[in-house]
Amino acid sequence: MITPFWSRSRGNEKVLLFNASNQPLSLEQWAVANTTKKKHLLTGTIGAGESLVISMPRSVPLSNKGGIITLLDAAGLKVHGVSYTKAQAKREGFWLTF
């Protein structure tokens, strides 16, 4: 299970993924998608019980007006998704947990 967290900081949004399983997981060809379905492709591996911070590129912004963050596997299937409100996104520099 991968759990996302999100932090907004003046155009420097980050998504933190946590691997809650007891096995390492390859993120090759996985992606994080935003509300408009733009995707940021991932690479590398996330170890068992470890987390990984992903800096979202400006080409795949996370909306400050509320939105959706979707984690897609290598086949393009939804592994996890979260939604957040404008009020939740308002707190700049804080991690939003789901």
Protein backbone atom coordinates (compact mmCIF):
# COMPACT_ATOMS: atom_id res chain seq x y z
CA MET A 1 0.00 0.00 0.00
CA ILE A 2 1.32 3.42 -0.94
CA THR A 3 -0.02 6.37 1.03
CA PRO A 4 0.30 9.91 -0.35
CA PHE A 5 0.85 13.12 1.59
CA TRP A 6 0.95 16.55 -0.02
CA SER A 7 2.70 19.82 0.76
CA ARG A 8 2.06 23.17 -0.95
CA SER A 9 4.77 25.77 -0.88
CA ARG A 10 4.56 28.55 -3.50
CA GLY A 11 4.68 26.47 -6.66
CA ASN A 12 6.95 23.89 -5.05
CA GLU A 13 4.40 21.17 -4.37
CA LYS A 14 5.61 17.84 -3.10
CA VAL A 15 3.98 14.44 -2.77
CA LEU A 16 5.29 12.02 -0.17
CA LEU A 17 4.70 8.34 -0.83
CA PHE A 18 4.93 5.79 1.97
CA ASN A 19 5.33 2.09 1.24
CA ALA A 20 3.42 0.37 4.04
CA SER A 21 4.24 -3.11 2.75
CA ASN A 22 7.08 -5.43 3.78
CA GLN A 23 8.49 -5.58 0.22
CA PRO A 24 10.38 -3.01 -1.87
CA LEU A 25 8.38 -1.64 -4.77
CA SER A 26 9.69 -0.54 -8.16
CA LEU A 27 8.17 2.76 -9.24
CA GLU A 28 9.45 2.45 -12.83
CA GLN A 29 6.78 3.82 -15.18
CA TRP A 30 4.46 4.68 -12.29
CA ALA A 31 3.02 8.20 -12.29
CA VAL A 32 1.42 10.85 -10.11
CA ALA A 33 -1.48 12.57 -11.89
CA ASN A 34 -3.18 15.84 -11.02
CA THR A 35 -6.81 16.97 -11.36
CA THR A 36 -6.40 17.65 -15.08
CA LYS A 37 -4.84 14.18 -15.57
CA LYS A 38 -1.39 15.53 -16.36
CA LYS A 39 1.17 12.93 -15.26
CA HIS A 40 4.59 13.04 -13.65
CA LEU A 41 6.41 9.78 -14.41
CA LEU A 42 8.29 8.15 -11.55
CA THR A 43 11.45 6.06 -11.45
CA GLY A 44 13.41 4.18 -8.82
CA THR A 45 12.38 1.95 -5.95
CA ILE A 46 10.74 2.66 -2.63
CA GLY A 47 11.88 0.30 0.12
CA ALA A 48 9.64 -1.59 2.51
CA GLY A 49 8.46 0.75 5.25
CA GLU A 50 10.17 3.71 3.58
CA SER A 51 8.97 6.99 2.17
CA LEU A 52 9.91 9.00 -0.90
CA VAL A 53 9.38 12.72 -1.48
CA ILE A 54 8.52 13.65 -5.05
CA SER A 55 8.87 17.26 -6.15
CA MET A 56 6.13 17.92 -8.66
CA PRO A 57 7.30 19.68 -11.82
CA ARG A 58 5.66 22.96 -12.84
CA SER A 59 4.20 21.10 -15.84
CA VAL A 60 2.10 18.98 -13.44
CA PRO A 61 0.85 21.50 -10.85
CA LEU A 62 -1.32 20.61 -7.89
CA SER A 63 -4.20 23.06 -7.63
CA ASN A 64 -4.41 25.44 -4.69
CA LYS A 65 -8.19 25.50 -5.19
CA GLY A 66 -8.72 21.87 -4.23
CA GLY A 67 -8.29 18.88 -6.46
CA ILE A 68 -7.30 15.27 -6.90
CA ILE A 69 -3.96 13.45 -6.69
CA THR A 70 -3.86 10.01 -8.28
CA LEU A 71 -1.11 7.40 -8.10
CA LEU A 72 -0.98 5.18 -11.21
CA ASP A 73 0.97 1.93 -11.56
CA ALA A 74 3.09 0.95 -14.58
CA ALA A 75 -0.04 -0.29 -16.39
CA GLY A 76 -1.73 3.07 -15.84
CA LEU A 77 -4.17 1.69 -13.27
CA LYS A 78 -5.16 3.70 -10.21
CA VAL A 79 -3.37 2.42 -7.10
CA HIS A 80 -4.45 5.22 -4.79
CA GLY A 81 -6.21 8.52 -5.07
CA VAL A 82 -7.06 11.37 -2.77
CA SER A 83 -9.05 14.56 -3.03
CA TYR A 84 -8.57 17.78 -1.11
CA THR A 85 -10.47 21.02 -0.68
CA LYS A 86 -9.48 24.63 -1.22
CA ALA A 87 -9.50 25.11 2.56
CA GLN A 88 -7.08 22.21 3.04
CA ALA A 89 -4.75 23.53 0.31
CA LYS A 90 -4.72 27.01 1.85
CA ARG A 91 -2.11 26.19 4.52
CA GLU A 92 1.16 26.82 2.73
CA GLY A 93 4.21 24.82 3.82
CA PHE A 94 2.27 22.16 5.76
CA TRP A 95 1.89 18.49 4.85
CA LEU A 96 -1.68 17.47 4.17
CA THR A 97 -2.29 13.86 5.19
CA PHE A 98 -4.95 11.57 3.72
